[in-house]
Each structure stands twice: as structure tokens, then as C-alpha cells.
Protein backbone atom coordinates (compact mmCIF):
# COMPACT_ATOMS: atom_id res chain seq x y z
CA UNK A 1 14.63 -114.02 -2.26
CA UNK A 2 15.47 -110.40 -1.62
CA UNK A 3 13.43 -108.19 0.61
CA UNK A 4 12.25 -104.89 -0.78
CA UNK A 5 12.93 -101.75 1.19
CA UNK A 6 9.88 -99.59 1.51
CA UNK A 7 9.95 -95.98 2.55
CA UNK A 8 6.98 -94.36 4.19
CA UNK A 9 6.91 -90.62 3.68
CA UNK A 10 5.14 -88.55 6.31
CA UNK A 11 4.36 -84.99 5.24
CA UNK A 12 3.34 -84.06 8.77
CA UNK A 13 6.63 -84.43 10.63
CA UNK A 14 6.33 -81.94 13.54
CA UNK A 15 9.85 -80.51 13.19
CA UNK A 16 9.33 -79.92 9.45
CA UNK A 17 5.90 -78.33 9.88
CA UNK A 18 7.32 -76.09 12.62
CA UNK A 19 10.03 -74.80 10.25
CA UNK A 20 7.56 -74.22 7.41
CA UNK A 21 5.11 -72.43 9.71
CA UNK A 22 7.90 -70.24 11.11
CA UNK A 23 8.71 -68.91 7.65
CA UNK A 24 5.05 -68.31 6.87
CA UNK A 25 4.64 -66.46 10.20
CA UNK A 26 7.57 -64.19 9.37
CA UNK A 27 5.48 -62.62 6.63
CA UNK A 28 2.22 -62.47 8.59
CA UNK A 29 0.46 -59.26 7.58
CA UNK A 30 1.68 -59.46 3.99
CA UNK A 31 -1.06 -59.08 1.39
CA UNK A 32 -1.16 -61.75 -1.30
CA UNK A 33 0.66 -60.62 -4.42
CA UNK A 34 -1.29 -61.04 -7.60
CA UNK A 35 -0.07 -60.41 -11.08
CA UNK A 36 -1.92 -60.82 -14.31
CA UNK A 37 1.19 -61.49 -16.31
CA UNK A 38 4.23 -63.45 -15.22
CA UNK A 39 6.57 -64.83 -17.84
CA UNK A 40 8.71 -67.76 -16.73
CA UNK A 41 11.76 -68.62 -18.78
CA UNK A 42 14.21 -71.43 -18.29
CA UNK A 43 17.80 -70.98 -19.37
CA UNK A 44 20.40 -73.66 -18.58
CA UNK A 45 18.32 -75.03 -15.73
CA UNK A 46 17.74 -71.65 -14.10
CA UNK A 47 14.18 -70.41 -13.85
CA UNK A 48 13.55 -66.68 -13.87
CA UNK A 49 10.49 -64.49 -13.79
CA UNK A 50 10.83 -61.73 -16.32
CA UNK A 51 7.72 -59.71 -15.61
CA UNK A 52 5.32 -59.33 -12.73
CA UNK A 53 5.46 -58.21 -9.14
CA UNK A 54 7.01 -61.18 -7.41
CA UNK A 55 8.06 -60.96 -3.76
CA UNK A 56 7.44 -57.27 -3.24
CA UNK A 57 6.51 -56.68 0.39
CA UNK A 58 3.27 -54.77 0.78
CA UNK A 59 2.94 -51.55 2.74
CA UNK A 60 0.88 -53.44 5.31
CA UNK A 61 4.01 -55.40 6.29
CA UNK A 62 6.19 -52.66 7.73
CA UNK A 63 9.76 -53.28 8.86
CA UNK A 64 8.53 -52.91 12.45
CA UNK A 65 5.93 -55.64 11.88
CA UNK A 66 8.54 -57.86 10.18
CA UNK A 67 10.86 -57.52 13.19
CA UNK A 68 7.94 -58.14 15.56
CA UNK A 69 7.09 -61.34 13.64
CA UNK A 70 10.75 -62.41 13.72
CA UNK A 71 11.02 -61.86 17.48
CA UNK A 72 7.84 -63.86 18.10
CA UNK A 73 9.23 -66.76 16.04
CA UNK A 74 12.60 -66.58 17.82
CA UNK A 75 10.97 -66.60 21.25
CA UNK A 76 8.75 -69.56 20.33
CA UNK A 77 11.53 -71.62 18.75
CA UNK A 78 14.72 -70.52 20.50
CA UNK A 79 13.56 -69.03 23.78
CA UNK A 80 15.25 -65.68 23.05
CA UNK A 81 15.17 -62.90 20.49
CA UNK A 82 17.98 -61.04 18.79
CA UNK A 83 18.56 -57.57 20.13
CA UNK A 84 20.04 -56.32 16.86
CA UNK A 85 18.57 -56.55 13.40
CA UNK A 86 20.91 -55.80 10.50
CA UNK A 87 19.26 -56.97 7.30
CA UNK A 88 16.41 -58.90 5.78
CA UNK A 89 18.30 -62.16 5.31
CA UNK A 90 16.81 -65.13 7.14
CA UNK A 91 17.98 -68.71 7.55
CA UNK A 92 16.46 -71.97 8.62
CA UNK A 93 18.99 -74.23 10.25
CA UNK A 94 18.30 -77.94 10.58
CA UNK A 95 20.41 -80.96 11.38
CA UNK A 96 21.55 -83.42 8.73
CA UNK A 97 18.88 -85.98 7.85
CA UNK A 98 15.92 -83.95 9.08
CA UNK A 99 14.42 -83.24 5.67
CA UNK A 100 15.77 -79.80 4.75
CA UNK A 101 15.20 -80.35 1.03
CA UNK A 102 11.56 -81.21 1.63
CA UNK A 103 11.17 -78.28 4.02
CA UNK A 104 12.47 -75.65 1.64
CA UNK A 105 10.56 -77.03 -1.35
CA UNK A 106 7.33 -77.14 0.65
CA UNK A 107 8.07 -73.71 2.14
CA UNK A 108 8.37 -72.30 -1.37
CA UNK A 109 4.99 -73.83 -2.24
CA UNK A 110 3.37 -72.50 0.94
CA UNK A 111 4.79 -68.98 0.46
CA UNK A 112 3.48 -68.98 -3.09
CA UNK A 113 0.02 -70.14 -2.00
CA UNK A 114 -0.20 -67.83 1.02
CA UNK A 115 1.47 -64.65 -0.25
CA UNK A 116 2.02 -65.10 -4.00
CA UNK A 117 5.82 -65.09 -3.66
CA UNK A 118 7.37 -66.52 -6.81
CA UNK A 119 11.13 -65.82 -6.67
CA UNK A 120 13.44 -67.85 -4.50
CA UNK A 121 17.16 -68.40 -4.20
CA UNK A 122 18.41 -71.70 -2.83
CA UNK A 123 22.03 -71.70 -1.72
CA UNK A 124 23.79 -75.03 -1.25
CA UNK A 125 27.43 -75.60 -0.27
CA UNK A 126 28.49 -78.14 -2.93
CA UNK A 127 27.86 -79.05 -6.56
CA UNK A 128 26.65 -82.60 -5.73
CA UNK A 129 24.01 -81.15 -3.41
CA UNK A 130 22.97 -78.69 -6.13
CA UNK A 131 22.65 -81.55 -8.64
CA UNK A 132 20.48 -83.46 -6.15
CA UNK A 133 18.27 -80.42 -5.66
CA UNK A 134 17.91 -79.93 -9.40
CA UNK A 135 16.97 -83.57 -9.81
CA UNK A 136 14.30 -83.39 -7.09
CA UNK A 137 12.84 -80.12 -8.36
CA UNK A 138 12.45 -81.23 -11.97
CA UNK A 139 10.47 -84.41 -11.29
């Protein structure tokens, strides 16, 4: 008789929620983007939005406010803030086995629900990881 392995998924892991909330807080002050017409096309597994106003930052979220949000997140999570700010590229860094795939998929969902963002780029270091991501995202 073989024993079955059962996995218990917990969508409220504190370290995952903290990462998701940090990204949402970065855009605090952003108005929700609405578009009456968004055309989604899929070509060779890549999804693109051909029309609409996806991910355009509103005038209410100034660069000063964005940096202020970033510094608040850095102080809360790292205990320090960067003195220099060069671009609008942000990363979430997590250890292996902490649920990064779940975090970025849920973050995408939360950013869509909260702000209407609909375009995302996911960068992974290897083809096997990319294949795993594609498999998880198409279920």
C-alpha cells in the first residue's frame, strides 16, 4: 500500500503577502486605468495587448510620489532606503523555494484589480524555468 502525498496550499503566507503588498504600495496614488477596448492576441504563446491604455501612470502618481513610495517600502522591508534613483525598474528578490512563481502571478492579478495594469514582462534565467512558467500560466 502506497501512501499518497498531499500538498496543502496556503495563499496567506506572510512573506508572500508582504512581497505582493510591497508592489501594490509602490503604485499607491495611481488611478485605476480603464479602457473600453482592449484586444488581446496570442501568437506563439506570447500574449500582447494591441489597443488600450495599459500601464500608463496617471498624473496623480508623480515621480516624486513614486520615489516616496519606494523609500517607504525599502525602509519597512530593508531598514534603509536608496540614496540614488536611476530608473523605473524594480525587482522583487526572494530565496529559492519561497513561492516566487505564485507571488508574481498573484501580483499581476492584484495590480490588474487595483490599478488596471494589463501588461507585464516576466524575465527568467533559463528555458526550463520559462517552460514551467508557461505551463502554470496556461492552466
